[in-house]
Amino acid sequence: MKHGFIWRLSLFMLILAGFARPALAERVAREQDIGSLRLGQRIQVDDGTCSAGQIKEVSGTQMTPAGVVWARKCVPRLGPQSR
């Protein structure tokens, strides 16, 4: 009886771990500090180009023969402002 409970509890914990949020994006002060960007990678750039309460997010969106294409957009700022 105890083994069934432990098994179900372990299964429940594994399912919950699958729903955990991914790690927050890396932050840099300038876009020039990014260097190379992998496909799907997201980096937040705190350079003041977005309006109050937002931060620029640069992400690798598409693979081309020349390399990864970058996309830029302003997203809501999570956590304290870093300066």
Protein backbone atom coordinates (compact mmCIF):
# COMPACT_ATOMS: atom_id res chain seq x y z
CA MET A 1 0.00 0.00 0.00
CA LYS A 2 2.82 2.44 0.82
CA HIS A 3 4.61 1.59 -2.41
CA GLY A 4 1.57 2.58 -4.50
CA PHE A 5 1.35 5.93 -2.73
CA ILE A 6 5.04 6.65 -3.21
CA TRP A 7 4.82 5.66 -6.88
CA ARG A 8 1.81 7.97 -7.48
CA LEU A 9 3.47 10.81 -5.56
CA SER A 10 6.64 10.41 -7.63
CA LEU A 11 4.65 10.42 -10.85
CA PHE A 12 2.76 13.55 -9.76
CA MET A 13 6.05 15.34 -8.94
CA LEU A 14 7.48 14.46 -12.37
CA ILE A 15 4.37 15.81 -14.09
CA LEU A 16 4.61 19.05 -12.09
CA ALA A 17 8.29 19.40 -12.99
CA GLY A 18 7.29 19.24 -16.67
CA PHE A 19 5.10 22.32 -16.21
CA ALA A 20 7.84 24.36 -14.51
CA ARG A 21 8.66 27.67 -16.21
CA PRO A 22 11.90 27.81 -18.17
CA ALA A 23 14.76 29.89 -16.85
CA LEU A 24 14.63 33.62 -17.36
CA ALA A 25 16.42 34.99 -20.37
CA GLU A 26 20.00 36.22 -20.08
CA ARG A 27 20.36 40.02 -19.77
CA VAL A 28 22.94 42.30 -21.35
CA ALA A 29 23.30 46.09 -21.40
CA ARG A 30 23.89 46.51 -25.17
CA GLU A 31 22.97 44.52 -28.25
CA GLN A 32 26.66 44.49 -29.24
CA ASP A 33 27.36 42.40 -26.10
CA ILE A 34 25.33 39.45 -27.44
CA GLY A 35 27.93 37.93 -29.77
CA SER A 36 26.45 34.78 -31.34
CA LEU A 37 22.82 33.75 -30.88
CA ARG A 38 21.52 30.18 -31.15
CA LEU A 39 18.22 29.22 -32.76
CA GLY A 40 15.49 29.65 -30.12
CA GLN A 41 17.74 31.47 -27.66
CA ARG A 42 16.35 34.67 -26.07
CA ILE A 43 18.40 37.48 -24.60
CA GLN A 44 17.04 40.60 -22.92
CA VAL A 45 18.79 43.86 -23.79
CA ASP A 46 18.45 46.61 -21.17
CA ASP A 47 19.45 49.57 -23.36
CA GLY A 48 16.45 51.85 -22.73
CA THR A 49 14.99 51.62 -26.24
CA CYS A 50 11.63 50.26 -25.04
CA SER A 51 8.98 52.17 -23.10
CA ALA A 52 8.72 52.14 -19.29
CA GLY A 53 8.01 48.69 -17.85
CA GLN A 54 9.34 46.91 -20.94
CA ILE A 55 12.66 45.49 -22.07
CA LYS A 56 13.96 44.56 -25.55
CA GLU A 57 14.09 40.83 -26.23
CA VAL A 58 16.33 39.54 -29.01
CA SER A 59 15.72 35.98 -30.15
CA GLY A 60 17.11 33.62 -32.76
CA THR A 61 14.10 32.90 -34.97
CA GLN A 62 15.22 31.30 -38.22
CA MET A 63 18.20 29.36 -39.53
CA THR A 64 19.51 30.50 -42.91
CA PRO A 65 22.66 29.61 -44.86
CA ALA A 66 24.15 32.87 -43.51
CA GLY A 67 23.35 31.97 -39.89
CA VAL A 68 20.60 32.65 -37.36
CA VAL A 69 18.17 35.54 -38.06
CA TRP A 70 17.55 37.81 -35.06
CA ALA A 71 14.12 39.19 -34.13
CA ARG A 72 13.67 42.11 -31.74
CA LYS A 73 10.58 43.04 -29.73
CA CYS A 74 9.66 44.84 -26.51
CA VAL A 75 8.28 42.56 -23.79
CA PRO A 76 7.06 43.27 -20.24
CA ARG A 77 9.93 43.59 -17.78
CA LEU A 78 9.94 40.87 -15.12
CA GLY A 79 11.81 41.58 -11.91
CA PRO A 80 13.86 44.63 -10.92
CA GLN A 81 15.57 46.87 -13.46
CA SER A 82 19.31 46.19 -13.72
CA ARG A 83 21.65 49.11 -14.27
